[in-house]
């Protein structure tokens, strides 16, 4: 007879309503800051040769919410790689060096 204590209840997520006019935003850079009570994520889009990166949205979460987001991302990336193969990060530098390397100077004037 199976032990009922071994079975955890299925997770129930609250229903979500996505507005018809919601805008999908592409980002390729995130700046993360924190205080003792919150984590701040500034999601930005940086085009080669342009500065500064344009922050598209700011998300503020509790540290617990950020930890749960990290767990959800890890689980979903693992499922993605299981289905579609490993995601390789190019280069031999650290991930931070790859993501935050300086943009080469451009001959064009800076945009604001």
N, C-alpha and C. Protein backbone atom coordinates (compact mmCIF):
# COMPACT_ATOMS: atom_id res chain seq x y z
N UNK A 1 0.85 -1.19 0.00
CA UNK A 1 0.00 0.00 0.00
C UNK A 1 0.89 1.24 0.00
N UNK A 2 0.74 2.16 -0.95
CA UNK A 2 1.60 3.33 -1.02
C UNK A 2 1.40 4.26 0.16
N UNK A 3 2.48 4.88 0.57
CA UNK A 3 2.45 5.83 1.68
C UNK A 3 1.93 7.17 1.19
N UNK A 4 0.85 7.66 1.78
CA UNK A 4 0.26 8.92 1.34
C UNK A 4 1.17 10.11 1.64
N UNK A 5 2.05 10.00 2.63
CA UNK A 5 2.95 11.09 2.98
C UNK A 5 3.98 11.37 1.88
N UNK A 6 4.25 10.36 1.02
CA UNK A 6 5.24 10.53 -0.04
C UNK A 6 4.71 11.37 -1.19
N UNK A 7 3.41 11.50 -1.29
CA UNK A 7 2.82 12.24 -2.40
C UNK A 7 2.55 13.68 -1.99
N UNK A 8 3.15 14.60 -2.73
CA UNK A 8 2.85 16.00 -2.46
C UNK A 8 1.66 16.41 -3.33
N UNK A 9 0.84 17.34 -2.82
CA UNK A 9 -0.33 17.73 -3.60
C UNK A 9 0.11 18.44 -4.88
N UNK A 10 -0.67 18.29 -5.95
CA UNK A 10 -0.30 18.96 -7.20
C UNK A 10 -0.32 20.48 -6.99
N UNK A 11 0.61 21.18 -7.65
CA UNK A 11 0.65 22.62 -7.53
C UNK A 11 -0.52 23.23 -8.29
N UNK A 12 -1.13 24.18 -7.67
CA UNK A 12 -2.23 24.89 -8.31
C UNK A 12 -1.80 26.34 -8.48
N UNK A 13 -1.80 26.79 -9.71
CA UNK A 13 -1.42 28.16 -9.99
C UNK A 13 -2.66 29.01 -10.14
N UNK A 14 -2.60 30.26 -9.69
CA UNK A 14 -3.79 31.11 -9.86
C UNK A 14 -4.02 31.37 -11.35
N UNK A 15 -5.27 31.49 -11.74
CA UNK A 15 -5.55 31.79 -13.15
C UNK A 15 -4.97 33.16 -13.51
N UNK A 16 -4.51 33.28 -14.74
CA UNK A 16 -3.96 34.56 -15.22
C UNK A 16 -4.75 35.01 -16.42
N UNK A 17 -4.92 36.31 -16.52
CA UNK A 17 -5.56 36.91 -17.68
C UNK A 17 -4.52 37.78 -18.36
N UNK A 18 -4.24 37.49 -19.61
CA UNK A 18 -3.26 38.28 -20.38
C UNK A 18 -4.04 39.23 -21.28
N UNK A 19 -3.83 40.54 -21.10
CA UNK A 19 -4.56 41.49 -21.95
C UNK A 19 -4.23 41.29 -23.42
N UNK A 20 -5.22 41.51 -24.28
CA UNK A 20 -5.03 41.35 -25.72
C UNK A 20 -3.97 42.30 -26.27
N UNK A 21 -3.82 43.46 -25.66
CA UNK A 21 -2.89 44.48 -26.18
C UNK A 21 -1.53 44.46 -25.49
N UNK A 22 -1.21 43.39 -24.77
CA UNK A 22 0.08 43.34 -24.07
C UNK A 22 1.22 43.33 -25.09
N UNK A 23 2.28 44.06 -24.78
CA UNK A 23 3.43 44.15 -25.68
C UNK A 23 4.51 43.17 -25.23
N UNK A 24 4.96 42.33 -26.14
CA UNK A 24 6.11 41.45 -25.87
C UNK A 24 7.37 42.28 -26.08
N UNK A 25 8.27 42.23 -25.12
CA UNK A 25 9.48 43.05 -25.17
C UNK A 25 10.70 42.15 -25.24
N UNK A 26 11.58 42.41 -26.21
CA UNK A 26 12.83 41.67 -26.31
C UNK A 26 13.90 42.40 -25.51
N UNK A 27 14.62 41.66 -24.67
CA UNK A 27 15.73 42.24 -23.90
C UNK A 27 16.94 41.33 -24.06
N UNK A 28 18.12 41.92 -23.95
CA UNK A 28 19.34 41.12 -24.02
C UNK A 28 20.34 41.52 -22.94
N UNK A 29 19.86 42.24 -21.95
CA UNK A 29 20.71 42.71 -20.86
C UNK A 29 19.86 42.91 -19.62
N UNK A 30 20.39 42.54 -18.48
CA UNK A 30 19.68 42.80 -17.23
C UNK A 30 20.68 43.30 -16.19
N UNK A 31 20.28 44.34 -15.49
CA UNK A 31 21.07 44.86 -14.37
C UNK A 31 20.29 44.51 -13.11
N UNK A 32 20.99 43.93 -12.14
CA UNK A 32 20.34 43.47 -10.92
C UNK A 32 20.91 44.24 -9.74
N UNK A 33 20.04 44.80 -8.94
CA UNK A 33 20.43 45.49 -7.71
C UNK A 33 19.55 44.95 -6.58
N UNK A 34 19.95 45.20 -5.36
CA UNK A 34 19.13 44.70 -4.25
C UNK A 34 19.33 45.54 -3.00
N UNK A 35 18.34 45.45 -2.15
CA UNK A 35 18.38 46.00 -0.80
C UNK A 35 18.08 44.82 0.12
N UNK A 36 18.08 45.04 1.42
CA UNK A 36 17.75 43.89 2.29
C UNK A 36 16.36 43.32 2.06
N UNK A 37 15.44 44.13 1.51
CA UNK A 37 14.06 43.66 1.40
C UNK A 37 13.57 43.42 -0.02
N UNK A 38 14.36 43.81 -1.05
CA UNK A 38 13.87 43.60 -2.40
C UNK A 38 15.00 43.45 -3.41
N UNK A 39 14.66 42.81 -4.51
CA UNK A 39 15.56 42.62 -5.65
C UNK A 39 14.98 43.45 -6.80
N UNK A 40 15.84 44.17 -7.50
CA UNK A 40 15.40 45.02 -8.60
C UNK A 40 16.08 44.54 -9.87
N UNK A 41 15.28 44.25 -10.89
CA UNK A 41 15.77 43.77 -12.18
C UNK A 41 15.41 44.81 -13.24
N UNK A 42 16.41 45.45 -13.83
CA UNK A 42 16.20 46.37 -14.94
C UNK A 42 16.52 45.62 -16.22
N UNK A 43 15.50 45.33 -17.02
CA UNK A 43 15.67 44.61 -18.28
C UNK A 43 15.83 45.63 -19.39
N UNK A 44 16.91 45.47 -20.19
CA UNK A 44 17.24 46.46 -21.20
C UNK A 44 17.52 45.81 -22.54
N UNK A 45 17.55 46.66 -23.56
CA UNK A 45 17.89 46.23 -24.92
C UNK A 45 19.06 47.08 -25.38
N UNK A 46 20.16 46.43 -25.72
CA UNK A 46 21.36 47.11 -26.17
C UNK A 46 21.68 46.68 -27.58
N UNK A 47 21.70 47.64 -28.49
CA UNK A 47 22.08 47.36 -29.87
C UNK A 47 23.57 47.61 -30.02
N UNK A 48 24.26 46.81 -30.83
CA UNK A 48 25.70 47.03 -31.04
C UNK A 48 25.97 48.45 -31.53
N UNK A 49 26.96 49.07 -30.93
CA UNK A 49 27.36 50.41 -31.34
C UNK A 49 26.51 51.53 -30.80
N UNK A 50 25.53 51.23 -29.97
CA UNK A 50 24.70 52.29 -29.40
C UNK A 50 24.85 52.30 -27.89
N UNK A 51 24.75 53.47 -27.35
CA UNK A 51 24.78 53.63 -25.90
C UNK A 51 23.81 54.73 -25.55
N UNK A 52 23.21 54.79 -24.44
CA UNK A 52 23.19 53.72 -23.44
C UNK A 52 22.14 52.67 -23.80
N UNK A 53 22.18 51.56 -23.09
CA UNK A 53 21.15 50.54 -23.25
C UNK A 53 19.82 51.14 -22.78
N UNK A 54 18.76 50.81 -23.47
CA UNK A 54 17.44 51.34 -23.12
C UNK A 54 16.73 50.37 -22.19
N UNK A 55 16.49 50.80 -20.96
CA UNK A 55 15.75 49.96 -20.01
C UNK A 55 14.30 49.91 -20.49
N UNK A 56 13.81 48.69 -20.70
CA UNK A 56 12.46 48.50 -21.23
C UNK A 56 11.44 48.27 -20.11
N UNK A 57 11.89 47.62 -19.03
CA UNK A 57 10.99 47.38 -17.91
C UNK A 57 11.79 47.13 -16.65
N UNK A 58 11.22 47.46 -15.52
CA UNK A 58 11.83 47.22 -14.20
C UNK A 58 10.89 46.31 -13.42
N UNK A 59 11.46 45.24 -12.87
CA UNK A 59 10.70 44.31 -12.04
C UNK A 59 11.29 44.37 -10.63
N UNK A 60 10.44 44.55 -9.65
CA UNK A 60 10.88 44.56 -8.25
C UNK A 60 10.22 43.37 -7.56
N UNK A 61 11.05 42.54 -6.90
CA UNK A 61 10.55 41.33 -6.24
C UNK A 61 11.14 41.22 -4.84
N UNK A 62 10.47 40.44 -4.02
CA UNK A 62 11.06 40.09 -2.73
C UNK A 62 12.21 39.10 -2.97
N UNK A 63 13.16 39.00 -2.05
CA UNK A 63 14.21 37.99 -2.22
C UNK A 63 13.64 36.57 -2.36
N UNK A 64 12.58 36.26 -1.63
CA UNK A 64 11.95 34.95 -1.76
C UNK A 64 11.38 34.77 -3.17
N UNK A 65 10.69 35.79 -3.68
CA UNK A 65 10.15 35.70 -5.03
C UNK A 65 11.26 35.51 -6.06
N UNK A 66 12.40 36.20 -5.87
CA UNK A 66 13.53 36.05 -6.79
C UNK A 66 14.12 34.64 -6.71
N UNK A 67 14.19 34.08 -5.52
CA UNK A 67 14.71 32.72 -5.35
C UNK A 67 13.78 31.71 -6.04
N UNK A 68 12.47 31.91 -5.91
CA UNK A 68 11.52 31.03 -6.58
C UNK A 68 11.58 31.20 -8.09
N UNK A 69 11.81 32.43 -8.57
CA UNK A 69 11.99 32.66 -10.00
C UNK A 69 13.24 31.93 -10.49
N UNK A 70 14.32 32.00 -9.73
CA UNK A 70 15.55 31.30 -10.10
C UNK A 70 15.29 29.80 -10.21
N UNK A 71 14.57 29.25 -9.28
CA UNK A 71 14.24 27.82 -9.32
C UNK A 71 13.40 27.48 -10.55
N UNK A 72 12.38 28.32 -10.81
CA UNK A 72 11.52 28.07 -11.97
C UNK A 72 12.31 28.18 -13.28
N UNK A 73 13.21 29.15 -13.38
CA UNK A 73 14.04 29.27 -14.59
C UNK A 73 14.93 28.05 -14.75
N UNK A 74 15.56 27.60 -13.67
CA UNK A 74 16.43 26.42 -13.74
C UNK A 74 15.66 25.19 -14.19
N UNK A 75 14.48 24.98 -13.61
CA UNK A 75 13.67 23.83 -13.99
C UNK A 75 13.24 23.91 -15.46
N UNK A 76 12.83 25.09 -15.91
CA UNK A 76 12.37 25.24 -17.29
C UNK A 76 13.51 25.16 -18.28
N UNK A 77 14.69 25.68 -17.94
CA UNK A 77 15.85 25.53 -18.83
C UNK A 77 16.25 24.06 -18.95
N UNK A 78 16.18 23.32 -17.85
CA UNK A 78 16.50 21.89 -17.89
C UNK A 78 15.52 21.16 -18.81
N UNK A 79 14.22 21.48 -18.71
CA UNK A 79 13.23 20.87 -19.60
C UNK A 79 13.47 21.26 -21.06
N UNK A 80 13.81 22.52 -21.29
CA UNK A 80 14.09 22.98 -22.65
C UNK A 80 15.27 22.20 -23.23
N UNK A 81 16.36 22.08 -22.47
CA UNK A 81 17.54 21.39 -22.96
C UNK A 81 17.27 19.90 -23.17
N UNK A 82 16.41 19.33 -22.36
CA UNK A 82 16.06 17.93 -22.55
C UNK A 82 15.32 17.74 -23.87
N UNK A 83 14.49 18.70 -24.23
CA UNK A 83 13.73 18.61 -25.47
C UNK A 83 14.52 19.04 -26.70
N UNK A 84 15.33 20.09 -26.56
CA UNK A 84 15.94 20.70 -27.74
C UNK A 84 17.47 20.65 -27.76
N UNK A 85 18.09 20.12 -26.73
CA UNK A 85 19.55 20.05 -26.68
C UNK A 85 20.15 21.15 -25.82
N UNK A 86 21.43 20.98 -25.51
CA UNK A 86 22.12 21.91 -24.63
C UNK A 86 22.20 23.31 -25.23
N UNK A 87 22.08 24.29 -24.37
CA UNK A 87 22.28 25.68 -24.75
C UNK A 87 23.74 25.99 -24.44
N UNK A 88 24.52 26.25 -25.48
CA UNK A 88 25.93 26.52 -25.24
C UNK A 88 26.15 28.03 -25.14
N UNK A 89 26.96 28.41 -24.17
CA UNK A 89 27.33 29.81 -23.99
C UNK A 89 28.69 29.98 -24.66
N UNK A 90 28.78 30.84 -25.69
CA UNK A 90 30.03 30.96 -26.43
C UNK A 90 31.14 31.60 -25.59
N UNK A 91 32.37 31.31 -25.97
CA UNK A 91 33.52 31.93 -25.34
C UNK A 91 34.02 31.20 -24.12
N UNK A 92 35.25 31.51 -23.76
CA UNK A 92 35.86 30.86 -22.60
C UNK A 92 35.87 31.77 -21.38
N UNK A 93 35.38 33.00 -21.53
CA UNK A 93 35.33 33.92 -20.40
C UNK A 93 34.16 33.56 -19.50
N UNK A 94 34.08 34.23 -18.37
CA UNK A 94 32.96 33.99 -17.46
C UNK A 94 31.68 34.53 -18.10
N UNK A 95 30.56 34.07 -17.62
CA UNK A 95 29.27 34.52 -18.14
C UNK A 95 29.14 36.04 -17.98
N UNK A 96 29.59 36.58 -16.85
CA UNK A 96 29.50 38.02 -16.63
C UNK A 96 30.34 38.78 -17.67
N UNK A 97 31.55 38.26 -17.99
CA UNK A 97 32.38 38.90 -19.01
C UNK A 97 31.68 38.89 -20.36
N UNK A 98 31.00 37.79 -20.68
CA UNK A 98 30.32 37.67 -21.96
C UNK A 98 29.12 38.63 -22.04
N UNK A 99 28.32 38.68 -20.97
CA UNK A 99 27.11 39.49 -20.99
C UNK A 99 27.39 40.98 -20.86
N UNK A 100 28.44 41.35 -20.12
CA UNK A 100 28.65 42.75 -19.78
C UNK A 100 29.92 43.33 -20.39
N UNK A 101 30.42 42.73 -21.47
CA UNK A 101 31.61 43.26 -22.13
C UNK A 101 31.28 44.63 -22.71
N UNK A 102 32.29 45.51 -22.79
CA UNK A 102 32.03 46.84 -23.34
C UNK A 102 31.65 46.75 -24.82
N UNK A 103 30.81 47.65 -25.23
CA UNK A 103 30.43 47.74 -26.63
C UNK A 103 31.50 48.52 -27.37
N UNK A 104 31.96 48.04 -28.52
CA UNK A 104 32.97 48.81 -29.27
C UNK A 104 32.45 50.19 -29.62
N UNK A 105 33.35 51.20 -29.66
CA UNK A 105 32.90 52.56 -29.99
C UNK A 105 32.31 52.62 -31.40
N UNK A 106 31.40 53.53 -31.58
CA UNK A 106 30.74 53.71 -32.86
C UNK A 106 31.10 55.09 -33.41
N UNK A 107 31.08 55.22 -34.74
CA UNK A 107 31.33 56.52 -35.35
C UNK A 107 30.10 57.42 -35.28
N UNK A 108 28.97 56.81 -34.91
CA UNK A 108 27.73 57.58 -34.83
C UNK A 108 27.62 58.26 -33.47
N UNK A 109 26.96 59.42 -33.38
CA UNK A 109 26.79 60.09 -32.08
C UNK A 109 25.88 59.25 -31.18
N UNK A 110 26.08 59.40 -29.86
CA UNK A 110 25.27 58.64 -28.90
C UNK A 110 23.82 59.06 -29.00
N UNK A 111 22.93 58.05 -28.85
CA UNK A 111 21.49 58.31 -28.86
C UNK A 111 21.01 58.40 -27.43
N UNK A 112 20.00 59.24 -27.22
CA UNK A 112 19.44 59.35 -25.87
C UNK A 112 18.01 58.94 -25.85
